[in-house]
Amino acid sequence: MAYVSMVIKAFILAIFLAACAVSAQEPSLAPTPSPDAGAGFSMPVSGALIGTSLVMSLFALLRN
């Protein structure tokens, strides 16, 4: 039983040391490109229509 405990402790220690080694190799992050002007997201359907549809579906589910 003690042997299993030693194996588990060694395995956890190996994982911890591997994680430390990987986290020490932080790559330098590339700068993000600037967004294009006017490249916003436009929805073809109004948010109010989607919200109304969700509320009506919720009422229909609760009614049954």
C-alpha atoms as a PDB file:
ATOM      1  CA  MET A   1       0.000   0.000   0.000  1.00  0.00           C
ATOM      2  CA  ALA A   2       2.886   2.339   0.785  1.00  0.00           C
ATOM      3  CA  TYR A   3       4.385   1.581  -2.623  1.00  0.00           C
ATOM      4  CA  VAL A   4       1.219   2.798  -4.378  1.00  0.00           C
ATOM      5  CA  SER A   5       1.291   5.989  -2.331  1.00  0.00           C
ATOM      6  CA  MET A   6       4.933   6.605  -3.307  1.00  0.00           C
ATOM      7  CA  VAL A   7       4.124   6.042  -6.997  1.00  0.00           C
ATOM      8  CA  ILE A   8       1.207   8.472  -6.842  1.00  0.00           C
ATOM      9  CA  LYS A   9       3.351  11.100  -5.091  1.00  0.00           C
ATOM     10  CA  ALA A  10       6.109  10.675  -7.697  1.00  0.00           C
ATOM     11  CA  PHE A  11       3.573  10.986 -10.512  1.00  0.00           C
ATOM     12  CA  ILE A  12       2.090  14.177  -9.042  1.00  0.00           C
ATOM     13  CA  LEU A  13       5.574  15.610  -8.544  1.00  0.00           C
ATOM     14  CA  ALA A  14       6.491  14.821 -12.165  1.00  0.00           C
ATOM     15  CA  ILE A  15       3.330  16.544 -13.434  1.00  0.00           C
ATOM     16  CA  PHE A  16       4.021  19.576 -11.232  1.00  0.00           C
ATOM     17  CA  LEU A  17       7.617  19.871 -12.453  1.00  0.00           C
ATOM     18  CA  ALA A  18       6.515  19.502 -16.079  1.00  0.00           C
ATOM     19  CA  ALA A  19       3.927  22.250 -15.599  1.00  0.00           C
ATOM     20  CA  CYS A  20       6.573  24.508 -14.052  1.00  0.00           C
ATOM     21  CA  ALA A  21       8.920  23.888 -16.958  1.00  0.00           C
ATOM     22  CA  VAL A  22       6.233  24.628 -19.524  1.00  0.00           C
ATOM     23  CA  SER A  23       5.028  27.778 -17.787  1.00  0.00           C
ATOM     24  CA  ALA A  24       8.606  29.076 -17.626  1.00  0.00           C
ATOM     25  CA  GLN A  25       8.750  29.079 -21.427  1.00  0.00           C
ATOM     26  CA  GLU A  26       6.272  31.895 -21.996  1.00  0.00           C
ATOM     27  CA  PRO A  27       6.381  32.918 -25.643  1.00  0.00           C
ATOM     28  CA  SER A  28       6.202  36.570 -26.470  1.00  0.00           C
ATOM     29  CA  LEU A  29       2.703  37.399 -27.597  1.00  0.00           C
ATOM     30  CA  ALA A  30       2.243  38.859 -31.057  1.00  0.00           C
ATOM     31  CA  PRO A  31       0.469  42.208 -31.171  1.00  0.00           C
ATOM     32  CA  THR A  32      -3.122  42.070 -32.322  1.00  0.00           C
ATOM     33  CA  PRO A  33      -3.998  43.855 -35.551  1.00  0.00           C
ATOM     34  CA  SER A  34      -6.093  46.986 -35.301  1.00  0.00           C
ATOM     35  CA  PRO A  35      -9.749  46.526 -36.238  1.00  0.00           C
ATOM     36  CA  ASP A  36     -11.019  47.902 -39.511  1.00  0.00           C
ATOM     37  CA  ALA A  37     -13.133  51.015 -39.214  1.00  0.00           C
ATOM     38  CA  GLY A  38     -16.824  50.258 -39.590  1.00  0.00           C
ATOM     39  CA  ALA A  39     -16.376  46.490 -39.346  1.00  0.00           C
ATOM     40  CA  GLY A  40     -19.000  46.085 -36.637  1.00  0.00           C
ATOM     41  CA  PHE A  41     -21.345  43.130 -36.469  1.00  0.00           C
ATOM     42  CA  SER A  42     -24.782  43.850 -37.860  1.00  0.00           C
ATOM     43  CA  MET A  43     -27.653  41.493 -37.204  1.00  0.00           C
ATOM     44  CA  PRO A  44     -30.113  40.889 -40.040  1.00  0.00           C
ATOM     45  CA  VAL A  45     -32.860  40.375 -37.422  1.00  0.00           C
ATOM     46  CA  SER A  46     -33.618  42.871 -34.689  1.00  0.00           C
ATOM     47  CA  GLY A  47     -32.648  41.968 -31.125  1.00  0.00           C
ATOM     48  CA  ALA A  48     -36.163  42.815 -29.949  1.00  0.00           C
ATOM     49  CA  LEU A  49     -37.623  40.219 -32.311  1.00  0.00           C
ATOM     50  CA  ILE A  50     -35.241  37.545 -31.015  1.00  0.00           C
ATOM     51  CA  GLY A  51     -35.961  38.514 -27.392  1.00  0.00           C
ATOM     52  CA  THR A  52     -39.719  38.394 -27.970  1.00  0.00           C
ATOM     53  CA  SER A  53     -39.388  34.989 -29.584  1.00  0.00           C
ATOM     54  CA  LEU A  54     -37.407  33.671 -26.612  1.00  0.00           C
ATOM     55  CA  VAL A  55     -39.921  35.036 -24.092  1.00  0.00           C
ATOM     56  CA  MET A  56     -42.861  33.538 -26.011  1.00  0.00           C
ATOM     57  CA  SER A  57     -41.073  30.170 -26.180  1.00  0.00           C
ATOM     58  CA  LEU A  58     -40.421  30.302 -22.427  1.00  0.00           C
ATOM     59  CA  PHE A  59     -44.085  31.020 -21.726  1.00  0.00           C
ATOM     60  CA  ALA A  60     -45.110  28.151 -24.009  1.00  0.00           C
ATOM     61  CA  LEU A  61     -42.776  25.771 -22.176  1.00  0.00           C
ATOM     62  CA  LEU A  62     -44.019  26.846 -18.752  1.00  0.00           C
ATOM     63  CA  ARG A  63     -47.653  26.607 -19.814  1.00  0.00           C
ATOM     64  CA  ASN A  64     -47.406  22.926 -20.743  1.00  0.00           C
END
